Amino acid sequence: MKTTLEIPDDLMRAVKIRAVESNQKLKDFIADALRKSLVQSQDVEPKDALQALRERLIFHPDGSVTNPDGIDDPEFFEDLEDIRRRSRLESARDPFADA
């Protein structure tokens, strides 16, 4: 279906850049972004911080991991602090205990 939308110039520029970076046609990138947005809005249960962070990470074949939001993303540090806080609340696991 064809439609006309008014999208702010700065947003459209960012969308075009992301489409090129992901090797997608602009229309395919926008369709994927809309689908992801619809799926995320249907999530009833809030995700825990660790799961949300893991879903954003890019895992490379060599075993390295990239955070596409970058280290400057404030949510990254909030999620990291939440993970640290929860791990402090859990009792330490005895590595020699029977599982």
PDB file of N, CA and C in Angstrom:
ATOM      1  N   MET A   1       0.842  -1.170   0.000  1.00  0.00           N
ATOM      2  CA  MET A   1       0.000   0.000   0.000  1.00  0.00           C
ATOM      3  C   MET A   1       0.894   1.242   0.000  1.00  0.00           C
ATOM      4  N   LYS A   2       0.525   2.194  -0.790  1.00  0.00           N
ATOM      5  CA  LYS A   2       1.274   3.449  -0.828  1.00  0.00           C
ATOM      6  C   LYS A   2       0.533   4.489  -0.013  1.00  0.00           C
ATOM      7  N   THR A   3       1.304   5.307   0.690  1.00  0.00           N
ATOM      8  CA  THR A   3       0.712   6.376   1.486  1.00  0.00           C
ATOM      9  C   THR A   3       1.709   7.528   1.578  1.00  0.00           C
ATOM     10  N   THR A   4       1.225   8.670   1.960  1.00  0.00           N
ATOM     11  CA  THR A   4       2.086   9.840   2.126  1.00  0.00           C
ATOM     12  C   THR A   4       2.116  10.223   3.594  1.00  0.00           C
ATOM     13  N   LEU A   5       3.317  10.413   4.114  1.00  0.00           N
ATOM     14  CA  LEU A   5       3.491  10.801   5.510  1.00  0.00           C
ATOM     15  C   LEU A   5       4.350  12.051   5.584  1.00  0.00           C
ATOM     16  N   GLU A   6       4.099  12.872   6.575  1.00  0.00           N
ATOM     17  CA  GLU A   6       4.971  14.013   6.844  1.00  0.00           C
ATOM     18  C   GLU A   6       5.891  13.621   7.995  1.00  0.00           C
ATOM     19  N   ILE A   7       7.172  13.476   7.674  1.00  0.00           N
ATOM     20  CA  ILE A   7       8.165  13.064   8.665  1.00  0.00           C
ATOM     21  C   ILE A   7       9.185  14.195   8.790  1.00  0.00           C
ATOM     22  N   PRO A   8       9.510  14.612  10.007  1.00  0.00           N
ATOM     23  CA  PRO A   8      10.501  15.682  10.183  1.00  0.00           C
ATOM     24  C   PRO A   8      11.821  15.331   9.484  1.00  0.00           C
ATOM     25  N   ASP A   9      12.459  16.345   8.910  1.00  0.00           N
ATOM     26  CA  ASP A   9      13.691  16.136   8.138  1.00  0.00           C
ATOM     27  C   ASP A   9      14.771  15.412   8.929  1.00  0.00           C
ATOM     28  N   ASP A  10      14.981  15.812  10.181  1.00  0.00           N
ATOM     29  CA  ASP A  10      16.044  15.184  10.968  1.00  0.00           C
ATOM     30  C   ASP A  10      15.753  13.713  11.232  1.00  0.00           C
ATOM     31  N   LEU A  11      14.486  13.381  11.456  1.00  0.00           N
ATOM     32  CA  LEU A  11      14.107  11.986  11.675  1.00  0.00           C
ATOM     33  C   LEU A  11      14.294  11.182  10.395  1.00  0.00           C
ATOM     34  N   MET A  12      13.886  11.740   9.262  1.00  0.00           N
ATOM     35  CA  MET A  12      14.019  11.029   7.993  1.00  0.00           C
ATOM     36  C   MET A  12      15.487  10.804   7.653  1.00  0.00           C
ATOM     37  N   ARG A  13      16.327  11.790   7.938  1.00  0.00           N
ATOM     38  CA  ARG A  13      17.764  11.635   7.708  1.00  0.00           C
ATOM     39  C   ARG A  13      18.313  10.472   8.537  1.00  0.00           C
ATOM     40  N   ALA A  14      17.919  10.415   9.801  1.00  0.00           N
ATOM     41  CA  ALA A  14      18.384   9.336  10.685  1.00  0.00           C
ATOM     42  C   ALA A  14      17.881   7.981  10.201  1.00  0.00           C
ATOM     43  N   VAL A  15      16.644   7.926   9.740  1.00  0.00           N
ATOM     44  CA  VAL A  15      16.067   6.674   9.235  1.00  0.00           C
ATOM     45  C   VAL A  15      16.829   6.215   7.995  1.00  0.00           C
ATOM     46  N   LYS A  16      17.123   7.133   7.094  1.00  0.00           N
ATOM     47  CA  LYS A  16      17.859   6.777   5.876  1.00  0.00           C
ATOM     48  C   LYS A  16      19.249   6.236   6.221  1.00  0.00           C
ATOM     49  N   ILE A  17      19.905   6.876   7.175  1.00  0.00           N
ATOM     50  CA  ILE A  17      21.241   6.420   7.584  1.00  0.00           C
ATOM     51  C   ILE A  17      21.170   5.011   8.159  1.00  0.00           C
ATOM     52  N   ARG A  18      20.201   4.769   9.040  1.00  0.00           N
ATOM     53  CA  ARG A  18      20.060   3.429   9.647  1.00  0.00           C
ATOM     54  C   ARG A  18      19.728   2.379   8.593  1.00  0.00           C
ATOM     55  N   ALA A  19      18.918   2.741   7.598  1.00  0.00           N
ATOM     56  CA  ALA A  19      18.576   1.800   6.527  1.00  0.00           C
ATOM     57  C   ALA A  19      19.828   1.418   5.747  1.00  0.00           C
ATOM     58  N   VAL A  20      20.651   2.395   5.428  1.00  0.00           N
ATOM     59  CA  VAL A  20      21.896   2.122   4.701  1.00  0.00           C
ATOM     60  C   VAL A  20      22.824   1.260   5.550  1.00  0.00           C
ATOM     61  N   GLU A  21      22.952   1.588   6.831  1.00  0.00           N
ATOM     62  CA  GLU A  21      23.823   0.822   7.725  1.00  0.00           C
ATOM     63  C   GLU A  21      23.382  -0.631   7.854  1.00  0.00           C
ATOM     64  N   SER A  22      22.087  -0.872   7.744  1.00  0.00           N
ATOM     65  CA  SER A  22      21.586  -2.245   7.879  1.00  0.00           C
ATOM     66  C   SER A  22      21.381  -2.917   6.519  1.00  0.00           C
ATOM     67  N   ASN A  23      21.868  -2.270   5.451  1.00  0.00           N
ATOM     68  CA  ASN A  23      21.768  -2.820   4.089  1.00  0.00           C
ATOM     69  C   ASN A  23      20.334  -3.160   3.704  1.00  0.00           C
ATOM     70  N   GLN A  24      19.406  -2.278   4.037  1.00  0.00           N
ATOM     71  CA  GLN A  24      18.005  -2.486   3.695  1.00  0.00           C
ATOM     72  C   GLN A  24      17.510  -1.342   2.830  1.00  0.00           C
ATOM     73  N   LYS A  25      16.515  -1.657   2.001  1.00  0.00           N
ATOM     74  CA  LYS A  25      15.823  -0.593   1.284  1.00  0.00           C
ATOM     75  C   LYS A  25      15.072   0.228   2.322  1.00  0.00           C
ATOM     76  N   LEU A  26      14.890   1.501   2.025  1.00  0.00           N
ATOM     77  CA  LEU A  26      14.226   2.400   2.962  1.00  0.00           C
ATOM     78  C   LEU A  26      12.841   1.885   3.329  1.00  0.00           C
ATOM     79  N   LYS A  27      12.061   1.451   2.335  1.00  0.00           N
ATOM     80  CA  LYS A  27      10.696   0.980   2.615  1.00  0.00           C
ATOM     81  C   LYS A  27      10.710  -0.268   3.498  1.00  0.00           C
ATOM     82  N   ASP A  28      11.690  -1.152   3.285  1.00  0.00           N
ATOM     83  CA  ASP A  28      11.779  -2.361   4.108  1.00  0.00           C
ATOM     84  C   ASP A  28      12.187  -2.022   5.541  1.00  0.00           C
ATOM     85  N   PHE A  29      13.124  -1.079   5.675  1.00  0.00           N
ATOM     86  CA  PHE A  29      13.566  -0.667   7.006  1.00  0.00           C
ATOM     87  C   PHE A  29      12.412  -0.057   7.794  1.00  0.00           C
ATOM     88  N   ILE A  30      11.655   0.824   7.147  1.00  0.00           N
ATOM     89  CA  ILE A  30      10.524   1.470   7.821  1.00  0.00           C
ATOM     90  C   ILE A  30       9.460   0.440   8.188  1.00  0.00           C
ATOM     91  N   ALA A  31       9.171  -0.497   7.283  1.00  0.00           N
ATOM     92  CA  ALA A  31       8.179  -1.538   7.579  1.00  0.00           C
ATOM     93  C   ALA A  31       8.626  -2.380   8.772  1.00  0.00           C
ATOM     94  N   ASP A  32       9.919  -2.756   8.812  1.00  0.00           N
ATOM     95  CA  ASP A  32      10.440  -3.533   9.945  1.00  0.00           C
ATOM     96  C   ASP A  32      10.346  -2.744  11.247  1.00  0.00           C
ATOM     97  N   ALA A  33      10.691  -1.463  11.184  1.00  0.00           N
ATOM     98  CA  ALA A  33      10.634  -0.621  12.384  1.00  0.00           C
ATOM     99  C   ALA A  33       9.201  -0.511  12.900  1.00  0.00           C
ATOM    100  N   LEU A  34       8.250  -0.377  11.995  1.00  0.00           N
ATOM    101  CA  LEU A  34       6.843  -0.306  12.412  1.00  0.00           C
ATOM    102  C   LEU A  34       6.392  -1.629  13.025  1.00  0.00           C
ATOM    103  N   ARG A  35       6.792  -2.751  12.407  1.00  0.00           N
ATOM    104  CA  ARG A  35       6.429  -4.064  12.961  1.00  0.00           C
ATOM    105  C   ARG A  35       6.990  -4.233  14.371  1.00  0.00           C
ATOM    106  N   LYS A  36       8.270  -3.886  14.543  1.00  0.00           N
ATOM    107  CA  LYS A  36       8.894  -4.005  15.864  1.00  0.00           C
ATOM    108  C   LYS A  36       8.188  -3.122  16.880  1.00  0.00           C
ATOM    109  N   SER A  37       7.813  -1.938  16.467  1.00  0.00           N
ATOM    110  CA  SER A  37       7.114  -1.018  17.363  1.00  0.00           C
ATOM    111  C   SER A  37       5.763  -1.587  17.776  1.00  0.00           C
ATOM    112  N   LEU A  38       5.059  -2.201  16.839  1.00  0.00           N
ATOM    113  CA  LEU A  38       3.758  -2.796  17.162  1.00  0.00           C
ATOM    114  C   LEU A  38       3.912  -3.980  18.103  1.00  0.00           C
ATOM    115  N   VAL A  39       4.924  -4.809  17.872  1.00  0.00           N
ATOM    116  CA  VAL A  39       5.157  -5.966  18.736  1.00  0.00           C
ATOM    117  C   VAL A  39       5.523  -5.505  20.140  1.00  0.00           C
ATOM    118  N   GLN A  40       6.399  -4.503  20.238  1.00  0.00           N
ATOM    119  CA  GLN A  40       6.819  -4.007  21.548  1.00  0.00           C
ATOM    120  C   GLN A  40       5.653  -3.404  22.306  1.00  0.00           C
ATOM    121  N   SER A  41       4.741  -2.756  21.595  1.00  0.00           N
ATOM    122  CA  SER A  41       3.606  -2.135  22.280  1.00  0.00           C
ATOM    123  C   SER A  41       2.619  -3.183  22.778  1.00  0.00           C
ATOM    124  N   GLN A  42       2.702  -4.409  22.245  1.00  0.00           N
ATOM    125  CA  GLN A  42       1.804  -5.479  22.680  1.00  0.00           C
ATOM    126  C   GLN A  42       2.350  -6.229  23.886  1.00  0.00           C
ATOM    127  N   ASP A  43       3.620  -5.997  24.226  1.00  0.00           N
ATOM    128  CA  ASP A  43       4.205  -6.667  25.388  1.00  0.00           C
ATOM    129  C   ASP A  43       3.447  -6.253  26.638  1.00  0.00           C
ATOM    130  N   VAL A  44       2.839  -7.234  27.287  1.00  0.00           N
ATOM    131  CA  VAL A  44       2.067  -6.945  28.488  1.00  0.00           C
ATOM    132  C   VAL A  44       2.970  -6.909  29.710  1.00  0.00           C
ATOM    133  N   GLU A  45       3.859  -7.886  29.805  1.00  0.00           N
ATOM    134  CA  GLU A  45       4.749  -7.968  30.958  1.00  0.00           C
ATOM    135  C   GLU A  45       5.975  -7.084  30.740  1.00  0.00           C
ATOM    136  N   PRO A  46       6.325  -6.281  31.719  1.00  0.00           N
ATOM    137  CA  PRO A  46       7.560  -5.509  31.573  1.00  0.00           C
ATOM    138  C   PRO A  46       8.756  -6.456  31.637  1.00  0.00           C
ATOM    139  N   LYS A  47       9.720  -6.234  30.771  1.00  0.00           N
ATOM    140  CA  LYS A  47      10.905  -7.089  30.744  1.00  0.00           C
ATOM    141  C   LYS A  47      11.854  -6.670  31.856  1.00  0.00           C
ATOM    142  N   ASP A  48      12.567  -7.636  32.386  1.00  0.00           N
ATOM    143  CA  ASP A  48      13.558  -7.246  33.380  1.00  0.00           C
ATOM    144  C   ASP A  48      14.742  -6.603  32.655  1.00  0.00           C
ATOM    145  N   ALA A  49      15.509  -5.848  33.363  1.00  0.00           N
ATOM    146  CA  ALA A  49      16.574  -5.044  32.768  1.00  0.00           C
ATOM    147  C   ALA A  49      17.606  -5.900  32.039  1.00  0.00           C
ATOM    148  N   LEU A  50      17.966  -7.043  32.608  1.00  0.00           N
ATOM    149  CA  LEU A  50      18.970  -7.897  31.987  1.00  0.00           C
ATOM    150  C   LEU A  50      18.464  -8.432  30.655  1.00  0.00           C
ATOM    151  N   GLN A  51      17.222  -8.906  30.620  1.00  0.00           N
ATOM    152  CA  GLN A  51      16.663  -9.430  29.382  1.00  0.00           C
ATOM    153  C   GLN A  51      16.566  -8.332  28.323  1.00  0.00           C
ATOM    154  N   ALA A  52      16.132  -7.150  28.720  1.00  0.00           N
ATOM    155  CA  ALA A  52      16.020  -6.033  27.777  1.00  0.00           C
ATOM    156  C   ALA A  52      17.391  -5.671  27.207  1.00  0.00           C
ATOM    157  N   LEU A  53      18.410  -5.656  28.058  1.00  0.00           N
ATOM    158  CA  LEU A  53      19.764  -5.350  27.597  1.00  0.00           C
ATOM    159  C   LEU A  53      20.254  -6.421  26.638  1.00  0.00           C
ATOM    160  N   ARG A  54      20.054  -7.690  26.985  1.00  0.00           N
ATOM    161  CA  ARG A  54      20.497  -8.784  26.115  1.00  0.00           C
ATOM    162  C   ARG A  54      19.838  -8.712  24.743  1.00  0.00           C
ATOM    163  N   GLU A  55      18.573  -8.319  24.696  1.00  0.00           N
ATOM    164  CA  GLU A  55      17.871  -8.238  23.420  1.00  0.00           C
ATOM    165  C   GLU A  55      18.421  -7.119  22.537  1.00  0.00           C
ATOM    166  N   ARG A  56      18.984  -6.090  23.139  1.00  0.00           N
ATOM    167  CA  ARG A  56      19.538  -4.983  22.351  1.00  0.00           C
ATOM    168  C   ARG A  56      20.955  -5.273  21.859  1.00  0.00           C
ATOM    169  N   LEU A  57      21.659  -6.185  22.509  1.00  0.00           N
ATOM    170  CA  LEU A  57      23.049  -6.451  22.160  1.00  0.00           C
ATOM    171  C   LEU A  57      23.160  -7.194  20.837  1.00  0.00           C
ATOM    172  N   ILE A  58      24.280  -6.968  20.159  1.00  0.00           N
ATOM    173  CA  ILE A  58      24.582  -7.685  18.922  1.00  0.00           C
ATOM    174  C   ILE A  58      25.714  -8.652  19.237  1.00  0.00           C
ATOM    175  N   PHE A  59      25.454  -9.946  19.044  1.00  0.00           N
ATOM    176  CA  PHE A  59      26.443 -10.979  19.323  1.00  0.00           C
ATOM    177  C   PHE A  59      27.134 -11.358  18.011  1.00  0.00           C
ATOM    178  N   HIS A  60      28.462 -11.219  17.962  1.00  0.00           N
ATOM    179  CA  HIS A  60      29.240 -11.478  16.757  1.00  0.00           C
ATOM    180  C   HIS A  60      29.786 -12.903  16.776  1.00  0.00           C
ATOM    181  N   PRO A  61      30.054 -13.469  15.572  1.00  0.00           N
ATOM    182  CA  PRO A  61      30.562 -14.845  15.493  1.00  0.00           C
ATOM    183  C   PRO A  61      31.856 -15.071  16.267  1.00  0.00           C
ATOM    184  N   ASP A  62      32.679 -14.025  16.416  1.00  0.00           N
ATOM    185  CA  ASP A  62      33.949 -14.197  17.131  1.00  0.00           C
ATOM    186  C   ASP A  62      33.776 -14.178  18.647  1.00  0.00           C
ATOM    187  N   GLY A  63      32.532 -14.047  19.118  1.00  0.00           N
ATOM    188  CA  GLY A  63      32.266 -14.055  20.552  1.00  0.00           C
ATOM    189  C   GLY A  63      32.180 -12.673  21.173  1.00  0.00           C
ATOM    190  N   SER A  64      32.514 -11.651  20.409  1.00  0.00           N
ATOM    191  CA  SER A  64      32.421 -10.293  20.953  1.00  0.00           C
ATOM    192  C   SER A  64      30.969  -9.812  20.907  1.00  0.00           C
ATOM    193  N   VAL A  65      30.692  -8.801  21.706  1.00  0.00           N
ATOM    194  CA  VAL A  65      29.337  -8.273  21.822  1.00  0.00           C
ATOM    195  C   VAL A  65      29.385  -6.758  21.667  1.00  0.00           C
ATOM    196  N   THR A  66      28.418  -6.209  20.934  1.00  0.00           N
ATOM    197  CA  THR A  66      28.338  -4.765  20.732  1.00  0.00           C
ATOM    198  C   THR A  66      27.008  -4.253  21.250  1.00  0.00           C
ATOM    199  N   ASN A  67      27.057  -3.138  21.971  1.00  0.00           N
ATOM    200  CA  ASN A  67      25.831  -2.457  22.390  1.00  0.00           C
ATOM    201  C   ASN A  67      25.544  -1.386  21.343  1.00  0.00           C
ATOM    202  N   PRO A  68      24.505  -1.580  20.491  1.00  0.00           N
ATOM    203  CA  PRO A  68      24.240  -0.612  19.426  1.00  0.00           C
ATOM    204  C   PRO A  68      23.827   0.754  19.959  1.00  0.00           C
ATOM    205  N   ASP A  69      23.379   0.818  21.204  1.00  0.00           N
ATOM    206  CA  ASP A  69      22.996   2.100  21.787  1.00  0.00           C
ATOM    207  C   ASP A  69      24.226   2.896  22.199  1.00  0.00           C
ATOM    208  N   GLY A  70      25.361   2.236  22.242  1.00  0.00           N
ATOM    209  CA  GLY A  70      26.598   2.915  22.617  1.00  0.00           C
ATOM    210  C   GLY A  70      26.736   3.051  24.122  1.00  0.00           C
ATOM    211  N   ILE A  71      27.917   3.359  24.538  1.00  0.00           N
ATOM    212  CA  ILE A  71      28.207   3.465  25.962  1.00  0.00           C
ATOM    213  C   ILE A  71      27.634   4.753  26.541  1.00  0.00           C
ATOM    214  N   ASP A  72      27.289   5.720  25.695  1.00  0.00           N
ATOM    215  CA  ASP A  72      26.749   6.992  26.177  1.00  0.00           C
ATOM    216  C   ASP A  72      25.252   6.933  26.449  1.00  0.00           C
ATOM    217  N   ASP A  73      24.626   5.795  26.171  1.00  0.00           N
ATOM    218  CA  ASP A  73      23.187   5.669  26.366  1.00  0.00           C
ATOM    219  C   ASP A  73      22.868   5.607  27.857  1.00  0.00           C
ATOM    220  N   PRO A  74      22.075   6.559  28.384  1.00  0.00           N
ATOM    221  CA  PRO A  74      21.764   6.563  29.821  1.00  0.00           C
ATOM    222  C   PRO A  74      21.031   5.300  30.268  1.00  0.00           C
ATOM    223  N   GLU A  75      20.194   4.732  29.393  1.00  0.00           N
ATOM    224  CA  GLU A  75      19.470   3.510  29.760  1.00  0.00           C
ATOM    225  C   GLU A  75      20.437   2.363  30.020  1.00  0.00           C
ATOM    226  N   PHE A  76      21.554   2.341  29.303  1.00  0.00           N
ATOM    227  CA  PHE A  76      22.552   1.296  29.495  1.00  0.00           C
ATOM    228  C   PHE A  76      23.031   1.294  30.941  1.00  0.00           C
ATOM    229  N   PHE A  77      23.353   2.481  31.448  1.00  0.00           N
ATOM    230  CA  PHE A  77      23.863   2.577  32.813  1.00  0.00           C
ATOM    231  C   PHE A  77      22.772   2.303  33.843  1.00  0.00           C
ATOM    232  N   GLU A  78      21.536   2.714  33.545  1.00  0.00           N
ATOM    233  CA  GLU A  78      20.422   2.417  34.451  1.00  0.00           C
ATOM    234  C   GLU A  78      20.194   0.908  34.526  1.00  0.00           C
ATOM    235  N   ASP A  79      20.202   0.252  33.356  1.00  0.00           N
ATOM    236  CA  ASP A  79      20.015  -1.198  33.324  1.00  0.00           C
ATOM    237  C   ASP A  79      21.157  -1.910  34.038  1.00  0.00           C
ATOM    238  N   LEU A  80      22.379  -1.441  33.799  1.00  0.00           N
ATOM    239  CA  LEU A  80      23.542  -2.049  34.440  1.00  0.00           C
ATOM    240  C   LEU A  80      23.455  -1.920  35.956  1.00  0.00           C
ATOM    241  N   GLU A  81      23.051  -0.758  36.433  1.00  0.00           N
ATOM    242  CA  GLU A  81      22.917  -0.555  37.875  1.00  0.00           C
ATOM    243  C   GLU A  81      21.813  -1.444  38.446  1.00  0.00           C
ATOM    244  N   ASP A  82      20.725  -1.622  37.696  1.00  0.00           N
ATOM    245  CA  ASP A  82      19.642  -2.498  38.144  1.00  0.00           C
ATOM    246  C   ASP A  82      20.129  -3.941  38.246  1.00  0.00           C
ATOM    247  N   ILE A  83      20.912  -4.371  37.271  1.00  0.00           N
ATOM    248  CA  ILE A  83      21.471  -5.730  37.287  1.00  0.00           C
ATOM    249  C   ILE A  83      22.398  -5.901  38.493  1.00  0.00           C
ATOM    250  N   ARG A  84      23.241  -4.908  38.736  1.00  0.00           N
ATOM    251  CA  ARG A  84      24.149  -4.976  39.895  1.00  0.00           C
ATOM    252  C   ARG A  84      23.362  -5.039  41.200  1.00  0.00           C
ATOM    253  N   ARG A  85      22.336  -4.204  41.318  1.00  0.00           N
ATOM    254  CA  ARG A  85      21.527  -4.161  42.532  1.00  0.00           C
ATOM    255  C   ARG A  85      20.871  -5.518  42.781  1.00  0.00           C
ATOM    256  N   ARG A  86      20.288  -6.108  41.736  1.00  0.00           N
ATOM    257  CA  ARG A  86      19.629  -7.402  41.904  1.00  0.00           C
ATOM    258  C   ARG A  86      20.625  -8.503  42.227  1.00  0.00           C
ATOM    259  N   SER A  87      21.828  -8.438  41.640  1.00  0.00           N
ATOM    260  CA  SER A  87      22.812  -9.491  41.920  1.00  0.00           C
ATOM    261  C   SER A  87      23.314  -9.406  43.359  1.00  0.00           C
ATOM    262  N   ARG A  88      23.304  -8.209  43.932  1.00  0.00           N
ATOM    263  CA  ARG A  88      23.704  -8.061  45.339  1.00  0.00           C
ATOM    264  C   ARG A  88      22.662  -8.656  46.278  1.00  0.00           C
ATOM    265  N   LEU A  89      21.413  -8.661  45.849  1.00  0.00           N
ATOM    266  CA  LEU A  89      20.333  -9.189  46.684  1.00  0.00           C
ATOM    267  C   LEU A  89      20.314 -10.718  46.697  1.00  0.00           C
ATOM    268  N   GLU A  90      20.829 -11.319  45.627  1.00  0.00           N
ATOM    269  CA  GLU A  90      20.831 -12.779  45.535  1.00  0.00           C
ATOM    270  C   GLU A  90      21.980 -13.334  46.376  1.00  0.00           C
ATOM    271  N   SER A  91      21.725 -14.447  47.032  1.00  0.00           N
ATOM    272  CA  SER A  91      22.799 -15.055  47.813  1.00  0.00           C
ATOM    273  C   SER A  91      23.802 -15.708  46.863  1.00  0.00           C
ATOM    274  N   ALA A  92      25.040 -15.712  47.285  1.00  0.00           N
ATOM    275  CA  ALA A  92      26.106 -16.264  46.455  1.00  0.00           C
ATOM    276  C   ALA A  92      25.880 -17.757  46.245  1.00  0.00           C
ATOM    277  N   ARG A  93      26.177 -18.220  45.046  1.00  0.00           N
ATOM    278  CA  ARG A  93      26.016 -19.628  44.708  1.00  0.00           C
ATOM    279  C   ARG A  93      27.279 -20.376  45.101  1.00  0.00           C
ATOM    280  N   ASP A  94      27.101 -21.508  45.765  1.00  0.00           N
ATOM    281  CA  ASP A  94      28.231 -22.348  46.149  1.00  0.00           C
ATOM    282  C   ASP A  94      28.599 -23.216  44.948  1.00  0.00           C
ATOM    283  N   PRO A  95      29.771 -23.017  44.345  1.00  0.00           N
ATOM    284  CA  PRO A  95      30.133 -23.775  43.149  1.00  0.00           C
ATOM    285  C   PRO A  95      30.377 -25.255  43.432  1.00  0.00           C
ATOM    286  N   PHE A  96      30.539 -25.614  44.708  1.00  0.00           N
ATOM    287  CA  PHE A  96      30.809 -27.003  45.056  1.00  0.00           C
ATOM    288  C   PHE A  96      29.563 -27.748  45.522  1.00  0.00           C
ATOM    289  N   ALA A  97      28.462 -27.042  45.635  1.00  0.00           N
ATOM    290  CA  ALA A  97      27.215 -27.676  46.074  1.00  0.00           C
ATOM    291  C   ALA A  97      26.623 -28.469  44.913  1.00  0.00           C
ATOM    292  N   ASP A  98      25.899 -29.528  45.247  1.00  0.00           N
ATOM    293  CA  ASP A  98      25.222 -30.310  44.212  1.00  0.00           C
ATOM    294  C   ASP A  98      24.096 -29.475  43.621  1.00  0.00           C
ATOM    295  N   ALA A  99      23.979 -29.566  42.318  1.00  0.00           N
ATOM    296  CA  ALA A  99      22.942 -28.787  41.631  1.00  0.00           C
ATOM    297  C   ALA A  99      21.656 -29.429  41.763  1.00  0.00           C
TER     298      ALA A  99
END
